[in-house]
Each structure stands twice: as structure tokens, then as C-alpha cells.
Amino acid sequence: MNAEALGEELNEMVALATRGMLRYVVDSTPYLTTKTFAIWNQVRAIGDAVTAHGRALTGMLEQLEVPQRPASYSIDMGRFPFTSLESLLPCLIDEARRRVDVNERAAALAEEDEALRRQLDSMLEENRAHLEKMQAFQLKLAAPDADRAVSPQS
């Protein structure tokens, strides 16, 4: 197992989990409407799960005796509280894809450490499920409202 390469991937996963766009958006709350509020609660739950991943990943870094790389929010994130959830979802989906990609690489590097590999595989399943949910949210918000979709029959 290449501990240095695995440490790099785990550090990237920690950065995405603790200082990624999802964490910032959850902490700051975007502009919401009655249509987006229910979805927002589900996005927040995903954010909480990803934050829990960050704590677990920090433990993995400690176990491997790899220093955690400092991470900070991007300066561009200051505009998100004034942005609608509909416009943020494509960016959140891109970030979810990155979490899956980095998680896949980390799991492949951890193949010799069975316990670590199981933890990373479990996170990978969750990250894939989060990505699918985000994509479903985007489709749901893009769909016309039910009352507008039905034309009156005369």
C-alpha cells in the first residue's frame, strides 16, 4: 500500500467533506422557496453525513500517521447564501461526483488494508447514493409544477 498516495487521496476527501461547497452551503443556507424547502432538508441531511465522513477520514489519516493538510473555503463561496438551491444543485452534483471519484481512488489504494478498505467502500456506497439523490433533486426541481402541468379540460 502506498501510504503517501493514499494520504493524498484521504486529505482530498477530508477537504471536500469539511470545506467543500456542500458544507458551506449547508452552513450558510441558500435562498429557499416553498418548492425547495423539503429538498433543502434532504440536502442538509446529506451534508451532515458528509461531515461525519470527514471525521472518520481524519481518524484514518491519524491511523496511517499521515498529517492532515489544512483546507479552507474558497473565496467564491461568499455568494451562495444569495443563490437559489436550483442554481446551486449543478455545482453540488459536480462536487458529489468528485467525492465519488476521490473515494474510488482511495479505496483502490487501500486494497491491502482490509479494515480501511471496508470503511472506504462503505463511504463510497454512501457517496454514490448522495450523488444519485442530488441528481434526483435536480430533476424534481426542473419538472414543471403539477398544477401547471395539468391543462384544464373543457
Foldseek 3Di string as FASTA:
>chain_A
DPLVVLLVLLLVLLQCLCANLLLLCLVQPADDDPLCPVVNVVSNVLSVVSVVVNVVSVVVCVVSVHDRDDHHHDPVSPCGNHDYPLVCLVVVLVSLVVSLVSLVVSLVVCVVPVVVNVSSVVVNVSSVVSNVSSVVSNVSVVDDDPVVVDDDDD
